[in-house]
Amino acid sequence: SPVPDKNKPLDKTEYNVFRRKSRQILVAEILVYAVSVLMQWYIIMECVSLSLGMVAGMLVMGKIMIKEEF
């Protein structure tokens, strides 16, 4: 889900819209990963898993940065 920033605060509506979109994208990526596992497409499996890991890491870093500001 989105991480608000002091330069771009999110209101409740924006937060809900972006959260729904990010979850839809996550479901699509998980489906691509599942199909690539079944078809044994190792390159696609690696790309999807690395991208999900990097996005998760950046979200965690964003949350940590917000807590440090307050």
Protein backbone atom coordinates (compact mmCIF):
# COMPACT_ATOMS: atom_id res chain seq x y z
CA SER A 1 0.00 0.00 0.00
CA PRO A 2 1.15 3.58 -0.42
CA VAL A 3 3.42 5.25 2.08
CA PRO A 4 2.54 8.93 2.64
CA ASP A 5 5.34 11.48 2.65
CA LYS A 6 5.61 14.99 4.03
CA ASN A 7 5.98 16.25 0.46
CA LYS A 8 2.91 14.32 -0.74
CA PRO A 9 0.42 13.59 2.02
CA LEU A 10 -2.46 11.30 1.08
CA ASP A 11 -6.06 11.81 2.05
CA LYS A 12 -8.32 8.88 2.91
CA THR A 13 -9.74 8.52 -0.63
CA GLU A 14 -6.33 8.56 -2.33
CA TYR A 15 -4.98 6.07 0.20
CA ASN A 16 -7.85 3.64 -0.45
CA VAL A 17 -7.59 3.96 -4.26
CA PHE A 18 -3.84 3.41 -4.30
CA ARG A 19 -4.14 0.56 -1.82
CA ARG A 20 -6.70 -1.23 -4.01
CA LYS A 21 -4.56 -0.72 -7.14
CA SER A 22 -1.42 -1.98 -5.42
CA ARG A 23 -3.25 -5.10 -4.24
CA GLN A 24 -4.55 -5.76 -7.77
CA ILE A 25 -1.02 -5.49 -9.13
CA LEU A 26 0.25 -7.81 -6.40
CA VAL A 27 -2.38 -10.44 -7.27
CA ALA A 28 -1.43 -10.19 -10.96
CA GLU A 29 2.26 -10.65 -10.14
CA ILE A 30 1.52 -13.64 -7.93
CA LEU A 31 -0.50 -15.21 -10.75
CA VAL A 32 2.38 -14.64 -13.18
CA TYR A 33 4.73 -16.22 -10.66
CA ALA A 34 2.44 -19.23 -10.17
CA VAL A 35 2.16 -19.78 -13.93
CA SER A 36 5.92 -19.48 -14.33
CA VAL A 37 6.44 -22.08 -11.59
CA LEU A 38 4.05 -24.47 -13.28
CA MET A 39 5.65 -23.91 -16.69
CA GLN A 40 9.18 -23.96 -15.20
CA TRP A 41 10.09 -20.55 -16.61
CA TYR A 42 12.97 -19.85 -14.25
CA ILE A 43 13.90 -16.43 -15.65
CA ILE A 44 10.38 -15.09 -15.04
CA MET A 45 10.29 -16.63 -11.56
CA GLU A 46 13.55 -14.89 -10.68
CA CYS A 47 12.42 -11.53 -12.07
CA VAL A 48 9.09 -11.57 -10.25
CA SER A 49 10.58 -12.69 -6.95
CA LEU A 50 13.36 -10.10 -7.12
CA SER A 51 10.96 -7.30 -7.99
CA LEU A 52 8.58 -8.22 -5.16
CA GLY A 53 11.49 -8.38 -2.74
CA MET A 54 12.83 -4.99 -3.81
CA VAL A 55 9.42 -3.32 -3.57
CA ALA A 56 8.86 -4.83 -0.12
CA GLY A 57 12.27 -3.58 0.99
CA MET A 58 11.58 -0.07 -0.28
CA LEU A 59 8.21 0.00 1.50
CA VAL A 60 9.86 -1.03 4.76
CA MET A 61 12.54 1.62 4.29
CA GLY A 62 9.84 4.23 3.64
CA LYS A 63 8.01 3.29 6.82
CA ILE A 64 11.28 3.49 8.80
CA MET A 65 12.10 6.90 7.32
CA ILE A 66 8.66 8.24 8.25
CA LYS A 67 9.03 7.03 11.86
CA GLU A 68 12.45 8.70 12.12
CA GLU A 69 11.01 12.06 11.00
CA PHE A 70 8.45 12.13 13.80
